[in-house]
Each structure stands twice: as C-alpha cells, then as structure tokens.
C-alpha cells in the first residue's frame, strides 16, 4: 500500500494558514514554496484542483503540518459537519478514506463533533461556571491518569 504523502494539502490546513496570511508578508521564498506545493499536489492527486488555484499563493504552501493525513482529514470532517459545509464534508470524507480512514472512523469523527456541540450547548446554555468546570475537569482527568497507572502496573504482573 502506498504511504499517503504527508504534504497532502487539505482545505482545513489551507484555511488555518490563510488566517496567518495577513501577518506574514509574501515574498520570493513563499512563491517558490507555493510552486513546490502545487507540484506536490499534482504528484499526489494527479492534478491541481481549481479550488486550490483560487486560493492565494501566499497561503497555499503553509498547509504542511506534522499531523498525518488521516488525522487532518478526520478533524476537517468533524469541523465541516458543524459548519455545515457540503463541499467540505464531501472532500474531507473522501480524503480521510484516501488516507486510510475506515467507515467507522469517519462515523466516529462526525459523532465526536456532535458530542462536542451537544456539551457546548449544555454548558453554555446552563451558564456553567468556567472556573468550576476547569477544576472538575482537572480533578477527573488526574484521577483517571492515576487509575490508568494502577491498571497498567497490574497488567504488567
């Protein structure tokens, strides 16, 4: 199986880097980097889709990250599900699968976005105190970490 290109440009990566485009001034180095990114896209996908060409060159090269392609695409799908954006949902679902995501992982990413939205609605709507929430979260996660250490030690015996 061909290892997915770690530089596969995603819409989520482009959107994230696009926000930085107003801070970073485009220059010759970015232009060369954009050209290299377009070559990488073409080598990976067989062509450069028109929607990538519509994006400003100053921001296109910045979409390279350390996250693997499957993780980036599942995050993109989860976000797209909440926006909602039918173009993004289609793209990120297909790209996640192309990067090795299973149907179950795709469903889990969408479900996770729904769970986050649900709890955001509950916590914000009920005006839960943020400091108390952070304290409760830290307490629960610390207890879970301690329990995991204990369980791990018993499994090693």
N, C-alpha and C. Protein backbone atom coordinates (compact mmCIF):
# COMPACT_ATOMS: atom_id res chain seq x y z
N UNK A 1 0.85 -1.18 0.00
CA UNK A 1 0.00 0.00 0.00
C UNK A 1 0.89 1.23 0.00
N UNK A 2 0.57 2.18 -0.86
CA UNK A 2 1.34 3.42 -0.95
C UNK A 2 1.09 4.28 0.28
N UNK A 3 2.18 4.73 0.91
CA UNK A 3 2.06 5.60 2.09
C UNK A 3 1.55 6.96 1.64
N UNK A 4 0.49 7.48 2.28
CA UNK A 4 -0.04 8.79 1.88
C UNK A 4 1.03 9.87 2.04
N UNK A 5 1.06 10.78 1.08
CA UNK A 5 2.01 11.88 1.10
C UNK A 5 1.70 12.77 2.30
N UNK A 6 2.69 12.98 3.19
CA UNK A 6 2.44 13.76 4.39
C UNK A 6 2.20 15.22 4.07
N UNK A 7 2.50 15.63 2.85
CA UNK A 7 2.31 17.02 2.46
C UNK A 7 1.01 17.24 1.71
N UNK A 8 0.15 16.22 1.70
CA UNK A 8 -1.13 16.37 1.01
C UNK A 8 -1.85 17.58 1.59
N UNK A 9 -2.11 18.54 0.75
CA UNK A 9 -2.73 19.78 1.20
C UNK A 9 -4.20 19.53 1.45
N UNK A 10 -4.69 20.02 2.58
CA UNK A 10 -6.11 19.87 2.91
C UNK A 10 -6.76 21.23 2.99
N UNK A 11 -8.05 21.25 2.81
CA UNK A 11 -8.79 22.51 2.94
C UNK A 11 -8.68 23.06 4.35
N UNK A 12 -8.68 22.19 5.35
CA UNK A 12 -8.56 22.66 6.73
C UNK A 12 -7.21 23.32 6.95
N UNK A 13 -6.17 22.72 6.42
CA UNK A 13 -4.83 23.31 6.57
C UNK A 13 -4.73 24.64 5.88
N UNK A 14 -5.30 24.74 4.69
CA UNK A 14 -5.28 25.99 3.95
C UNK A 14 -6.04 27.06 4.71
N UNK A 15 -7.18 26.70 5.25
CA UNK A 15 -7.97 27.68 6.00
C UNK A 15 -7.22 28.17 7.22
N UNK A 16 -6.56 27.25 7.93
CA UNK A 16 -5.81 27.64 9.12
C UNK A 16 -4.65 28.55 8.77
N UNK A 17 -3.93 28.23 7.72
CA UNK A 17 -2.80 29.04 7.31
C UNK A 17 -3.27 30.35 6.70
N UNK A 18 -4.43 30.34 6.06
CA UNK A 18 -4.96 31.57 5.47
C UNK A 18 -5.10 32.67 6.49
N UNK A 19 -5.43 32.31 7.72
CA UNK A 19 -5.55 33.32 8.77
C UNK A 19 -4.20 33.95 9.07
N UNK A 20 -3.12 33.20 8.85
CA UNK A 20 -1.78 33.75 9.09
C UNK A 20 -1.31 34.61 7.93
N UNK A 21 -1.94 34.48 6.79
CA UNK A 21 -1.52 35.22 5.61
C UNK A 21 -1.53 36.72 5.78
N UNK A 22 -2.35 37.22 6.68
CA UNK A 22 -2.39 38.66 6.91
C UNK A 22 -1.23 39.13 7.76
N UNK A 23 -0.57 38.20 8.46
CA UNK A 23 0.56 38.54 9.31
C UNK A 23 1.87 38.40 8.54
N UNK A 24 2.01 37.34 7.75
CA UNK A 24 3.24 37.06 7.04
C UNK A 24 3.19 37.74 5.66
N UNK A 25 4.22 38.50 5.35
CA UNK A 25 4.28 39.17 4.05
C UNK A 25 4.77 38.19 2.99
N UNK A 26 4.08 38.08 1.85
CA UNK A 26 4.54 37.17 0.81
C UNK A 26 5.86 37.65 0.22
N UNK A 27 6.71 36.70 -0.14
CA UNK A 27 7.99 37.04 -0.74
C UNK A 27 8.41 35.96 -1.70
N UNK A 28 9.63 36.08 -2.22
CA UNK A 28 10.14 35.13 -3.20
C UNK A 28 10.18 33.72 -2.64
N UNK A 29 10.56 33.58 -1.35
CA UNK A 29 10.63 32.25 -0.74
C UNK A 29 9.25 31.61 -0.72
N UNK A 30 8.21 32.40 -0.41
CA UNK A 30 6.86 31.85 -0.39
C UNK A 30 6.42 31.48 -1.80
N UNK A 31 6.77 32.29 -2.79
CA UNK A 31 6.39 31.97 -4.16
C UNK A 31 6.98 30.63 -4.58
N UNK A 32 8.27 30.40 -4.24
CA UNK A 32 8.92 29.14 -4.57
C UNK A 32 8.25 28.00 -3.81
N UNK A 33 7.90 28.27 -2.56
CA UNK A 33 7.25 27.27 -1.74
C UNK A 33 5.86 26.93 -2.31
N UNK A 34 5.16 27.94 -2.80
CA UNK A 34 3.85 27.71 -3.42
C UNK A 34 4.00 26.83 -4.65
N UNK A 35 5.00 27.11 -5.46
CA UNK A 35 5.25 26.31 -6.67
C UNK A 35 5.54 24.86 -6.28
N UNK A 36 6.35 24.68 -5.23
CA UNK A 36 6.66 23.33 -4.77
C UNK A 36 5.40 22.64 -4.25
N UNK A 37 4.56 23.39 -3.57
CA UNK A 37 3.31 22.81 -3.05
C UNK A 37 2.39 22.40 -4.19
N UNK A 38 2.27 23.25 -5.22
CA UNK A 38 1.46 22.87 -6.37
C UNK A 38 2.01 21.60 -7.04
N UNK A 39 3.34 21.49 -7.14
CA UNK A 39 3.93 20.27 -7.72
C UNK A 39 3.59 19.06 -6.86
N UNK A 40 3.67 19.24 -5.54
CA UNK A 40 3.36 18.16 -4.62
C UNK A 40 1.90 17.74 -4.75
N UNK A 41 1.01 18.71 -4.84
CA UNK A 41 -0.42 18.40 -5.02
C UNK A 41 -0.61 17.62 -6.30
N UNK A 42 0.01 18.08 -7.38
CA UNK A 42 -0.14 17.41 -8.66
C UNK A 42 0.41 15.98 -8.62
N UNK A 43 1.57 15.80 -7.98
CA UNK A 43 2.14 14.46 -7.86
C UNK A 43 1.25 13.55 -7.02
N UNK A 44 0.64 14.11 -5.99
CA UNK A 44 -0.19 13.32 -5.09
C UNK A 44 -1.56 13.03 -5.68
N UNK A 45 -2.19 14.06 -6.26
CA UNK A 45 -3.57 13.93 -6.73
C UNK A 45 -3.69 13.71 -8.24
N UNK A 46 -2.61 13.92 -8.97
CA UNK A 46 -2.67 13.77 -10.42
C UNK A 46 -2.97 15.08 -11.14
N UNK A 47 -3.46 16.06 -10.42
CA UNK A 47 -3.73 17.39 -10.96
C UNK A 47 -3.91 18.35 -9.78
N UNK A 48 -3.95 19.63 -10.10
CA UNK A 48 -4.22 20.63 -9.06
C UNK A 48 -5.65 21.09 -9.26
N UNK A 49 -6.56 20.70 -8.34
CA UNK A 49 -7.96 21.10 -8.49
C UNK A 49 -8.11 22.62 -8.53
N UNK A 50 -9.10 23.09 -9.25
CA UNK A 50 -9.34 24.52 -9.41
C UNK A 50 -9.50 25.27 -8.11
N UNK A 51 -10.12 24.64 -7.11
CA UNK A 51 -10.33 25.35 -5.85
C UNK A 51 -9.01 25.64 -5.14
N UNK A 52 -7.96 24.83 -5.40
CA UNK A 52 -6.65 25.15 -4.83
C UNK A 52 -6.04 26.33 -5.57
N UNK A 53 -6.27 26.42 -6.86
CA UNK A 53 -5.71 27.53 -7.66
C UNK A 53 -6.39 28.85 -7.30
N UNK A 54 -7.63 28.79 -6.81
CA UNK A 54 -8.33 30.02 -6.42
C UNK A 54 -7.77 30.62 -5.13
N UNK A 55 -7.12 29.81 -4.32
CA UNK A 55 -6.58 30.27 -3.05
C UNK A 55 -5.31 31.08 -3.31
N UNK A 56 -5.08 32.17 -2.59
CA UNK A 56 -3.87 32.98 -2.81
C UNK A 56 -2.59 32.17 -2.62
N UNK A 57 -1.65 32.33 -3.54
CA UNK A 57 -0.39 31.59 -3.47
C UNK A 57 0.35 31.84 -2.17
N UNK A 58 0.21 33.03 -1.60
CA UNK A 58 0.93 33.36 -0.37
C UNK A 58 0.54 32.43 0.78
N UNK A 59 -0.63 31.83 0.73
CA UNK A 59 -1.08 30.97 1.82
C UNK A 59 -1.07 29.50 1.51
N UNK A 60 -0.93 29.13 0.24
CA UNK A 60 -1.07 27.73 -0.15
C UNK A 60 0.02 26.84 0.42
N UNK A 61 1.24 27.32 0.53
CA UNK A 61 2.35 26.47 0.97
C UNK A 61 2.30 26.17 2.45
N UNK A 62 1.63 26.97 3.22
CA UNK A 62 1.63 26.80 4.66
C UNK A 62 0.81 25.65 5.18
N UNK A 63 0.14 24.91 4.33
CA UNK A 63 -0.75 23.85 4.80
C UNK A 63 -0.02 22.57 5.20
N UNK A 64 1.30 22.57 5.15
CA UNK A 64 2.05 21.38 5.56
C UNK A 64 2.12 21.35 7.08
N UNK A 65 1.80 20.19 7.66
CA UNK A 65 1.80 20.07 9.12
C UNK A 65 2.42 18.75 9.53
N UNK A 66 2.54 18.56 10.82
CA UNK A 66 3.10 17.31 11.35
C UNK A 66 2.03 16.24 11.55
N UNK A 67 0.76 16.62 11.55
CA UNK A 67 -0.30 15.62 11.67
C UNK A 67 -0.35 14.77 10.42
N UNK A 68 -0.64 13.49 10.59
CA UNK A 68 -0.77 12.63 9.43
C UNK A 68 -2.05 12.98 8.67
N UNK A 69 -2.10 12.60 7.41
CA UNK A 69 -3.22 12.95 6.54
C UNK A 69 -4.57 12.48 7.06
N UNK A 70 -4.63 11.26 7.59
CA UNK A 70 -5.90 10.73 8.08
C UNK A 70 -6.42 11.58 9.24
N UNK A 71 -5.55 11.92 10.17
CA UNK A 71 -5.96 12.73 11.32
C UNK A 71 -6.44 14.10 10.87
N UNK A 72 -5.70 14.75 9.97
CA UNK A 72 -6.10 16.07 9.47
C UNK A 72 -7.46 16.01 8.81
N UNK A 73 -7.68 14.98 8.00
CA UNK A 73 -8.94 14.89 7.27
C UNK A 73 -10.11 14.58 8.19
N UNK A 74 -9.90 13.76 9.22
CA UNK A 74 -10.96 13.48 10.18
C UNK A 74 -11.30 14.73 10.99
N UNK A 75 -10.30 15.53 11.34
CA UNK A 75 -10.56 16.81 12.01
C UNK A 75 -11.34 17.72 11.06
N UNK A 76 -10.90 17.78 9.81
CA UNK A 76 -11.60 18.60 8.82
C UNK A 76 -13.05 18.17 8.67
N UNK A 77 -13.30 16.88 8.65
CA UNK A 77 -14.66 16.36 8.53
C UNK A 77 -15.50 16.75 9.75
N UNK A 78 -14.92 16.63 10.95
CA UNK A 78 -15.65 16.98 12.16
C UNK A 78 -16.04 18.46 12.14
N UNK A 79 -15.11 19.31 11.76
CA UNK A 79 -15.40 20.76 11.68
C UNK A 79 -16.44 21.02 10.60
N UNK A 80 -16.24 20.41 9.43
CA UNK A 80 -17.17 20.61 8.31
C UNK A 80 -18.59 20.18 8.66
N UNK A 81 -18.70 19.15 9.48
CA UNK A 81 -20.02 18.66 9.90
C UNK A 81 -20.75 19.69 10.74
N UNK A 82 -20.01 20.50 11.48
CA UNK A 82 -20.62 21.50 12.34
C UNK A 82 -20.83 22.84 11.65
N UNK A 83 -20.12 23.12 10.58
CA UNK A 83 -20.25 24.44 9.94
C UNK A 83 -21.68 24.65 9.44
N UNK A 84 -22.39 23.86 8.77
CA UNK A 84 -22.03 22.72 7.94
C UNK A 84 -21.68 23.17 6.52
N UNK A 85 -20.79 22.41 5.88
CA UNK A 85 -20.37 22.73 4.51
C UNK A 85 -20.37 21.44 3.70
N UNK A 86 -21.32 21.32 2.77
CA UNK A 86 -21.43 20.09 1.99
C UNK A 86 -20.19 19.84 1.14
N UNK A 87 -19.53 20.89 0.66
CA UNK A 87 -18.30 20.72 -0.13
C UNK A 87 -17.20 20.13 0.75
N UNK A 88 -17.05 20.71 1.94
CA UNK A 88 -16.01 20.27 2.88
C UNK A 88 -16.28 18.85 3.38
N UNK A 89 -17.54 18.54 3.66
CA UNK A 89 -17.89 17.19 4.13
C UNK A 89 -17.53 16.18 3.05
N UNK A 90 -17.87 16.46 1.81
CA UNK A 90 -17.56 15.55 0.72
C UNK A 90 -16.05 15.38 0.58
N UNK A 91 -15.33 16.51 0.53
CA UNK A 91 -13.88 16.47 0.35
C UNK A 91 -13.19 15.74 1.49
N UNK A 92 -13.49 16.11 2.73
CA UNK A 92 -12.77 15.54 3.86
C UNK A 92 -13.12 14.07 4.09
N UNK A 93 -14.35 13.66 3.78
CA UNK A 93 -14.70 12.25 3.86
C UNK A 93 -13.88 11.45 2.85
N UNK A 94 -13.87 11.91 1.62
CA UNK A 94 -13.11 11.22 0.57
C UNK A 94 -11.62 11.23 0.87
N UNK A 95 -11.09 12.36 1.32
CA UNK A 95 -9.66 12.47 1.61
C UNK A 95 -9.29 11.62 2.83
N UNK A 96 -10.17 11.56 3.84
CA UNK A 96 -9.90 10.72 5.01
C UNK A 96 -9.80 9.26 4.58
N UNK A 97 -10.73 8.82 3.75
CA UNK A 97 -10.71 7.44 3.27
C UNK A 97 -9.48 7.18 2.41
N UNK A 98 -9.09 8.16 1.59
CA UNK A 98 -7.90 8.01 0.76
C UNK A 98 -6.64 7.91 1.63
N UNK A 99 -6.70 8.45 2.83
CA UNK A 99 -5.58 8.40 3.76
C UNK A 99 -5.72 7.24 4.74
N UNK A 100 -6.64 6.32 4.48
CA UNK A 100 -6.73 5.10 5.28
C UNK A 100 -7.82 5.06 6.34
N UNK A 101 -8.67 6.07 6.44
CA UNK A 101 -9.74 6.06 7.43
C UNK A 101 -10.79 5.03 7.04
N UNK A 102 -11.30 4.35 8.04
CA UNK A 102 -12.37 3.39 7.82
C UNK A 102 -13.72 4.11 7.91
N UNK A 103 -14.77 3.42 7.47
CA UNK A 103 -16.11 3.99 7.60
C UNK A 103 -16.43 4.26 9.07
N UNK A 104 -15.99 3.36 9.95
CA UNK A 104 -16.22 3.53 11.39
C UNK A 104 -15.51 4.77 11.92
N UNK A 105 -14.29 5.03 11.47
CA UNK A 105 -13.56 6.23 11.91
C UNK A 105 -14.22 7.50 11.40
N UNK A 106 -14.75 7.45 10.19
CA UNK A 106 -15.48 8.60 9.64
C UNK A 106 -16.72 8.87 10.49
N UNK A 107 -17.47 7.81 10.80
CA UNK A 107 -18.67 7.98 11.64
C UNK A 107 -18.30 8.49 13.03
N UNK A 108 -17.19 8.00 13.57
CA UNK A 108 -16.76 8.44 14.90
C UNK A 108 -16.38 9.92 14.91
N UNK A 109 -15.70 10.38 13.86
CA UNK A 109 -15.33 11.80 13.77
C UNK A 109 -16.58 12.67 13.75
N UNK A 110 -17.58 12.27 12.96
CA UNK A 110 -18.83 13.04 12.89
C UNK A 110 -19.56 12.98 14.23
N UNK A 111 -19.61 11.80 14.85
CA UNK A 111 -20.27 11.67 16.15
C UNK A 111 -19.55 12.51 17.22
N UNK A 112 -18.23 12.53 17.17
CA UNK A 112 -17.48 13.32 18.14
C UNK A 112 -17.79 14.81 17.98
N UNK A 113 -17.95 15.26 16.75
CA UNK A 113 -18.30 16.67 16.54
C UNK A 113 -19.69 16.95 17.12
N UNK A 114 -20.60 15.98 17.01
CA UNK A 114 -21.94 16.15 17.58
C UNK A 114 -21.91 16.16 19.11
N UNK A 115 -21.07 15.30 19.68
CA UNK A 115 -20.95 15.25 21.15
C UNK A 115 -20.39 16.56 21.68
N UNK A 116 -19.36 17.08 21.03
CA UNK A 116 -18.77 18.35 21.45
C UNK A 116 -19.80 19.47 21.36
N UNK A 117 -20.55 19.49 20.26
CA UNK A 117 -21.59 20.51 20.08
C UNK A 117 -22.66 20.39 21.17
N UNK A 118 -23.05 19.15 21.46
CA UNK A 118 -24.05 18.89 22.49
C UNK A 118 -23.61 19.47 23.83
N UNK A 119 -22.41 19.10 24.28
CA UNK A 119 -21.94 19.56 25.58
C UNK A 119 -21.66 21.05 25.60
N UNK A 120 -21.25 21.61 24.48
CA UNK A 120 -21.07 23.06 24.40
C UNK A 120 -22.41 23.76 24.61
N UNK A 121 -23.46 23.21 24.00
CA UNK A 121 -24.80 23.77 24.16
C UNK A 121 -25.26 23.68 25.62
N UNK A 122 -25.07 22.53 26.24
CA UNK A 122 -25.48 22.33 27.63
C UNK A 122 -24.71 23.28 28.56
N UNK A 123 -23.39 23.27 28.46
CA UNK A 123 -22.56 24.06 29.37
C UNK A 123 -22.77 25.56 29.19
N UNK A 124 -22.84 26.00 27.95
CA UNK A 124 -23.06 27.43 27.70
C UNK A 124 -24.49 27.84 28.06
N UNK A 125 -25.46 27.03 27.65
CA UNK A 125 -26.86 27.36 27.91
C UNK A 125 -27.20 27.38 29.39
N UNK A 126 -26.56 26.53 30.16
CA UNK A 126 -26.81 26.48 31.61
C UNK A 126 -25.88 27.42 32.37
N UNK A 127 -25.05 28.13 31.62
CA UNK A 127 -24.11 29.10 32.19
C UNK A 127 -23.25 28.49 33.29
N UNK A 128 -22.71 27.32 32.99
CA UNK A 128 -21.83 26.63 33.93
C UNK A 128 -20.60 27.50 34.21
N UNK A 129 -20.25 27.61 35.49
CA UNK A 129 -19.10 28.41 35.88
C UNK A 129 -17.82 27.81 35.28
N UNK A 130 -17.07 28.62 34.53
CA UNK A 130 -15.88 28.12 33.83
C UNK A 130 -14.80 27.66 34.80
N UNK A 131 -14.55 28.40 35.86
CA UNK A 131 -13.52 28.00 36.84
C UNK A 131 -13.89 26.67 37.49
N UNK A 132 -15.16 26.50 37.85
CA UNK A 132 -15.60 25.24 38.45
C UNK A 132 -15.48 24.10 37.45
N UNK A 133 -15.83 24.36 36.19
CA UNK A 133 -15.72 23.35 35.14
C UNK A 133 -14.26 22.91 34.98
N UNK A 134 -13.35 23.88 34.93
CA UNK A 134 -11.92 23.56 34.78
C UNK A 134 -11.43 22.74 35.98
N UNK A 135 -11.85 23.11 37.18
CA UNK A 135 -11.45 22.37 38.38
C UNK A 135 -11.96 20.93 38.31
N UNK A 136 -13.25 20.78 37.98
CA UNK A 136 -13.83 19.43 37.88
C UNK A 136 -13.11 18.60 36.81
N UNK A 137 -12.84 19.21 35.67
CA UNK A 137 -12.16 18.51 34.58
C UNK A 137 -10.77 18.06 35.01
N UNK A 138 -10.00 18.97 35.61
CA UNK A 138 -8.66 18.62 36.06
C UNK A 138 -8.68 17.51 37.09
N UNK A 139 -9.64 17.55 38.02
CA UNK A 139 -9.77 16.53 39.06
C UNK A 139 -10.08 15.17 38.45
N UNK A 140 -11.05 15.13 37.54
CA UNK A 140 -11.45 13.87 36.90
C UNK A 140 -10.31 13.30 36.06
N UNK A 141 -9.64 14.13 35.29
CA UNK A 141 -8.55 13.65 34.44
C UNK A 141 -7.35 13.16 35.27
N UNK A 142 -7.08 13.84 36.37
CA UNK A 142 -5.99 13.40 37.25
C UNK A 142 -6.33 12.03 37.86
N UNK A 143 -7.55 11.86 38.32
CA UNK A 143 -7.98 10.58 38.88
C UNK A 143 -7.90 9.48 37.83
N UNK A 144 -8.31 9.78 36.60
CA UNK A 144 -8.26 8.79 35.52
C UNK A 144 -6.81 8.41 35.21
N UNK A 145 -5.91 9.39 35.23
CA UNK A 145 -4.49 9.11 34.97
C UNK A 145 -3.91 8.21 36.06
N UNK A 146 -4.26 8.48 37.31
CA UNK A 146 -3.79 7.66 38.42
C UNK A 146 -4.33 6.24 38.32
N UNK A 147 -5.59 6.12 37.96
CA UNK A 147 -6.19 4.80 37.81
C UNK A 147 -5.52 4.03 36.67
N UNK A 148 -5.21 4.72 35.58
CA UNK A 148 -4.56 4.09 34.43
C UNK A 148 -3.18 3.56 34.84
N UNK A 149 -2.46 4.30 35.67
CA UNK A 149 -1.15 3.83 36.16
C UNK A 149 -1.31 2.55 36.97
N UNK A 150 -2.30 2.50 37.83
CA UNK A 150 -2.55 1.33 38.68
C UNK A 150 -2.93 0.12 37.83
N UNK A 151 -3.82 0.34 36.88
CA UNK A 151 -4.26 -0.73 35.98
C UNK A 151 -3.08 -1.21 35.15
N UNK A 152 -2.25 -0.29 34.69
CA UNK A 152 -1.07 -0.66 33.89
C UNK A 152 -0.08 -1.49 34.67
N UNK A 153 0.10 -1.17 35.94
CA UNK A 153 1.02 -1.93 36.80
C UNK A 153 0.50 -3.33 37.04
N UNK A 154 -0.83 -3.48 37.25
CA UNK A 154 -1.39 -4.80 37.47
C UNK A 154 -1.31 -5.66 36.22
N UNK A 155 -1.43 -5.05 35.06
CA UNK A 155 -1.36 -5.79 33.81
C UNK A 155 0.06 -6.28 33.53
N UNK A 156 1.07 -5.54 34.03
CA UNK A 156 2.45 -5.92 33.82
C UNK A 156 2.86 -7.13 34.65
N UNK A 157 2.12 -7.43 35.72
CA UNK A 157 2.49 -8.53 36.64
C UNK A 157 2.09 -9.87 36.10
